[in-house]
Amino acid sequence: MSMIRLLLAEDQSMVREALAALLGLEPDIEVVAQVARGDEVLATAREHGIDVALLDIEMPGMTGIDATAQLRDALPDVKVVVVTTFGRPGYLRRAMESGADAFLVKDAPASQLAEAVRKVLAGERVIDPGLAAAALADGASPLTEREREVLRTAADGSTNAEIAAALHLSQGTVRNYLSMAIQKMAARNRAEAVRMAREKGWL
C-alpha cells in the first residue's frame, strides 16, 4: 500500500493536532507536514513532496482559497481539500474557482475527510452536499473583483481616503465602487454591505 503524503494547514493548534492525530490513524495516510499560516503552504508543499493539501480557509498570512490558487499554479499535481468552520456558499464557489478538489465542513468525521483525500487522489471531486445546495440557491456573487477588494479594505472602518491610498485609486473611484456594492447588495450602508458579503462568503 502506498502512503498518501498529506500537508495540513490550520491556524488553531488544537484543531490541527487533533486532525493530524485522527488522520494519522488511517493506514494509508501520513501527515508529513503541518503549518499554521496560509502563506507557508506552497513552500512547505514543495519541501515535503506532498500528494494532498488539507487547507482551512481562514488563516493568517493568506486564506486557504488563495493558497489553493497558488498550489494549482505551482504544483498542479497536488490535490487540495478545503475545510471550513463556516458553511458559506460563497466560499464554496470561490474555492472551486481557485481549483480545490474537495470542499467540506470542518466538523465532518475524520473518516469522511480521509475518504475525501482518497477520492480526490482518484480524480474525483468531493463537495459537502448541504453547501452545494446552498451555493446553487444563493447564486454567484454580484460583486466585481474591484468592488470586493474595496469592500474588504473598508471592513476595518477605513475612510475613503485611506482605502484610496491603500488601493492606489482616487477617492471618487472608491466612492463609486462602494455605492455600486451597496446598491447590488441592497444594503443601507457600507458596514451592512460588508457584513452581508462576509456572511455569504463573498469577501
Protein backbone atom coordinates (compact mmCIF):
# COMPACT_ATOMS: atom_id res chain seq x y z
CA MET A 1 0.00 0.00 0.00
CA SER A 2 1.49 3.34 -1.00
CA MET A 3 1.18 6.06 1.63
CA ILE A 4 -0.63 9.32 0.84
CA ARG A 5 1.60 12.23 1.87
CA LEU A 6 -0.58 14.95 3.41
CA LEU A 7 0.05 18.58 4.34
CA LEU A 8 -2.27 20.02 7.00
CA ALA A 9 -2.78 23.81 7.15
CA GLU A 10 -4.86 25.09 10.09
CA ASP A 11 -4.15 28.06 12.33
CA GLN A 12 -5.77 26.69 15.52
CA SER A 13 -3.15 24.38 17.00
CA MET A 14 -5.60 22.19 18.97
CA VAL A 15 -7.74 21.58 15.88
CA ARG A 16 -4.66 20.98 13.72
CA GLU A 17 -3.14 18.48 16.16
CA ALA A 18 -6.45 16.65 16.59
CA LEU A 19 -6.90 16.38 12.81
CA ALA A 20 -3.31 15.21 12.39
CA ALA A 21 -3.75 12.55 15.08
CA LEU A 22 -7.05 11.29 13.65
CA LEU A 23 -5.87 11.22 10.03
CA GLY A 24 -2.60 9.63 11.15
CA LEU A 25 -4.61 6.63 12.38
CA GLU A 26 -5.62 5.87 8.78
CA PRO A 27 -3.44 3.03 7.42
CA ASP A 28 -2.70 4.77 4.10
CA ILE A 29 -2.32 8.43 5.17
CA GLU A 30 0.80 10.07 6.58
CA VAL A 31 0.67 13.70 7.77
CA VAL A 32 4.15 14.76 6.67
CA ALA A 33 3.86 18.49 7.42
CA GLN A 34 1.74 20.97 9.36
CA VAL A 35 1.56 24.76 9.03
CA ALA A 36 -0.47 27.44 10.81
CA ARG A 37 -0.31 30.10 8.08
CA GLY A 38 -1.65 30.24 4.55
CA ASP A 39 1.49 31.90 3.20
CA GLU A 40 3.61 28.90 4.31
CA VAL A 41 1.61 26.32 2.35
CA LEU A 42 3.38 26.44 -1.01
CA ALA A 43 6.97 26.36 0.28
CA THR A 44 6.12 23.52 2.70
CA ALA A 45 4.31 21.56 -0.01
CA ARG A 46 7.39 21.86 -2.25
CA GLU A 47 9.75 20.85 0.56
CA HIS A 48 7.85 17.70 1.54
CA GLY A 49 6.70 16.44 -1.86
CA ILE A 50 3.06 16.08 -0.80
CA ASP A 51 0.17 14.38 -2.60
CA VAL A 52 -2.71 16.22 -0.90
CA ALA A 53 -3.06 19.52 0.96
CA LEU A 54 -5.84 19.85 3.53
CA LEU A 55 -6.40 23.59 3.96
CA ASP A 56 -8.52 25.65 6.34
CA ILE A 57 -9.97 28.82 4.79
CA GLU A 58 -9.40 31.42 7.49
CA MET A 59 -5.67 31.61 8.27
CA PRO A 60 -3.19 34.42 8.90
CA GLY A 61 -0.90 35.42 6.04
CA MET A 62 -3.17 34.11 3.29
CA THR A 63 -6.57 32.46 3.05
CA GLY A 64 -6.87 28.79 2.18
CA ILE A 65 -8.60 29.85 -1.04
CA ASP A 66 -5.62 31.97 -2.14
CA ALA A 67 -3.23 29.19 -1.09
CA THR A 68 -5.28 26.79 -3.23
CA ALA A 69 -4.77 29.04 -6.26
CA GLN A 70 -1.01 29.20 -5.55
CA LEU A 71 -0.77 25.40 -5.34
CA ARG A 72 -2.80 24.97 -8.51
CA ASP A 73 -0.40 27.25 -10.41
CA ALA A 74 2.87 25.95 -8.97
CA LEU A 75 2.13 22.28 -8.20
CA PRO A 76 -0.80 21.23 -10.41
CA ASP A 77 -0.48 17.54 -9.44
CA VAL A 78 -1.13 18.25 -5.76
CA LYS A 79 -4.78 17.70 -4.79
CA VAL A 80 -6.44 20.24 -2.50
CA VAL A 81 -9.14 19.56 0.10
CA VAL A 82 -10.55 22.78 1.60
CA VAL A 83 -12.25 22.59 5.01
CA THR A 84 -14.09 25.37 6.76
CA THR A 85 -15.90 26.08 10.01
CA PHE A 86 -18.16 28.46 8.13
CA GLY A 87 -20.58 26.83 5.71
CA ARG A 88 -20.78 29.89 3.48
CA PRO A 89 -21.91 29.20 -0.07
CA GLY A 90 -19.67 31.94 -1.50
CA TYR A 91 -16.63 30.19 -0.03
CA LEU A 92 -17.53 27.01 -1.88
CA ARG A 93 -17.84 28.82 -5.19
CA ARG A 94 -14.55 30.70 -4.71
CA ALA A 95 -12.70 27.57 -3.55
CA MET A 96 -13.82 25.67 -6.65
CA GLU A 97 -12.89 28.60 -8.91
CA SER A 98 -9.42 28.56 -7.29
CA GLY A 99 -9.00 24.88 -8.17
CA ALA A 100 -9.96 22.99 -4.98
CA ASP A 101 -10.75 19.29 -5.49
CA ALA A 102 -12.91 18.97 -2.37
CA PHE A 103 -14.81 21.26 -0.02
CA LEU A 104 -16.03 20.03 3.37
CA VAL A 105 -17.11 21.48 6.70
CA LYS A 106 -14.51 21.03 9.41
CA ASP A 107 -16.74 19.11 11.79
CA ALA A 108 -17.10 16.26 9.29
CA PRO A 109 -15.95 12.94 10.82
CA ALA A 110 -12.26 12.13 10.30
CA SER A 111 -13.27 9.04 8.32
CA GLN A 112 -15.15 11.30 5.88
CA LEU A 113 -12.11 13.58 5.50
CA ALA A 114 -9.89 10.54 4.91
CA GLU A 115 -12.32 9.23 2.31
CA ALA A 116 -12.31 12.64 0.58
CA VAL A 117 -8.48 12.52 0.48
CA ARG A 118 -8.60 9.12 -1.23
CA LYS A 119 -11.31 10.19 -3.66
CA VAL A 120 -9.51 13.35 -4.85
CA LEU A 121 -6.38 11.29 -5.47
CA ALA A 122 -8.52 9.00 -7.63
CA GLY A 123 -9.58 12.04 -9.67
CA GLU A 124 -12.98 12.66 -8.06
CA ARG A 125 -14.42 15.90 -6.71
CA VAL A 126 -15.96 15.87 -3.24
CA ILE A 127 -18.35 18.60 -2.10
CA ASP A 128 -20.42 18.78 1.08
CA PRO A 129 -23.96 18.25 -0.28
CA GLY A 130 -25.59 20.80 2.04
CA LEU A 131 -23.15 23.50 0.96
CA ALA A 132 -23.55 22.60 -2.70
CA ALA A 133 -27.33 23.04 -2.44
CA ALA A 134 -26.94 26.35 -0.60
CA ALA A 135 -24.44 27.64 -3.18
CA LEU A 136 -26.83 26.86 -6.02
CA ALA A 137 -29.72 28.54 -4.20
CA ASP A 138 -27.62 31.58 -3.34
CA GLY A 139 -26.28 32.23 -6.81
CA ALA A 140 -22.96 33.80 -7.76
CA SER A 141 -21.58 36.92 -6.12
CA PRO A 142 -22.85 40.06 -7.87
CA LEU A 143 -19.67 41.92 -6.88
CA THR A 144 -16.81 42.54 -9.28
CA GLU A 145 -13.27 41.75 -8.09
CA ARG A 146 -12.61 45.50 -7.61
CA GLU A 147 -15.82 46.03 -5.62
CA ARG A 148 -14.90 43.09 -3.42
CA GLU A 149 -11.41 44.50 -2.88
CA VAL A 150 -12.79 47.93 -1.91
CA LEU A 151 -15.35 46.39 0.47
CA ARG A 152 -12.68 44.17 2.02
CA THR A 153 -10.45 47.21 2.60
CA ALA A 154 -13.42 49.13 4.06
CA ALA A 155 -14.17 46.33 6.52
CA ASP A 156 -11.88 47.68 9.26
CA GLY A 157 -13.58 51.10 9.18
CA SER A 158 -11.07 52.77 6.84
CA THR A 159 -12.12 56.13 5.37
CA ASN A 160 -12.49 56.63 1.61
CA ALA A 161 -9.15 58.46 1.62
CA GLU A 162 -7.43 55.53 3.38
CA ILE A 163 -8.99 53.00 1.01
CA ALA A 164 -7.96 55.12 -1.98
CA ALA A 165 -4.36 55.29 -0.70
CA ALA A 166 -4.22 51.55 0.04
CA LEU A 167 -5.55 50.54 -3.40
CA HIS A 168 -3.96 53.36 -5.45
CA LEU A 169 -7.33 54.70 -6.56
CA SER A 170 -8.92 58.14 -6.46
CA GLN A 171 -11.41 58.88 -3.70
CA GLY A 172 -14.13 59.38 -6.32
CA THR A 173 -13.48 55.92 -7.75
CA VAL A 174 -13.62 54.40 -4.25
CA ARG A 175 -16.96 56.17 -3.65
CA ASN A 176 -18.30 54.77 -6.92
CA TYR A 177 -17.22 51.20 -6.13
CA LEU A 178 -18.68 51.40 -2.63
CA SER A 179 -22.00 52.80 -3.81
CA MET A 180 -22.24 50.12 -6.53
CA ALA A 181 -21.52 47.38 -3.98
CA ILE A 182 -24.08 48.79 -1.53
CA GLN A 183 -26.66 49.04 -4.32
CA LYS A 184 -26.03 45.48 -5.57
CA MET A 185 -26.33 44.07 -2.05
CA ALA A 186 -29.45 46.17 -1.32
CA ALA A 187 -27.66 47.30 1.84
CA ARG A 188 -28.30 50.52 3.77
CA ASN A 189 -24.63 51.44 4.13
CA ARG A 190 -21.10 50.14 3.69
CA ALA A 191 -21.00 48.42 7.10
CA GLU A 192 -24.11 46.43 6.25
CA ALA A 193 -22.73 45.62 2.78
CA VAL A 194 -19.51 44.30 4.38
CA ARG A 195 -21.48 42.20 6.89
CA MET A 196 -23.78 40.75 4.21
CA ALA A 197 -20.91 39.96 1.84
CA ARG A 198 -18.96 38.26 4.68
CA GLU A 199 -21.94 36.14 5.68
CA LYS A 200 -22.26 34.86 2.11
CA GLY A 201 -18.52 34.20 1.83
CA TRP A 202 -18.09 36.76 -0.96
CA LEU A 203 -15.20 38.60 0.71
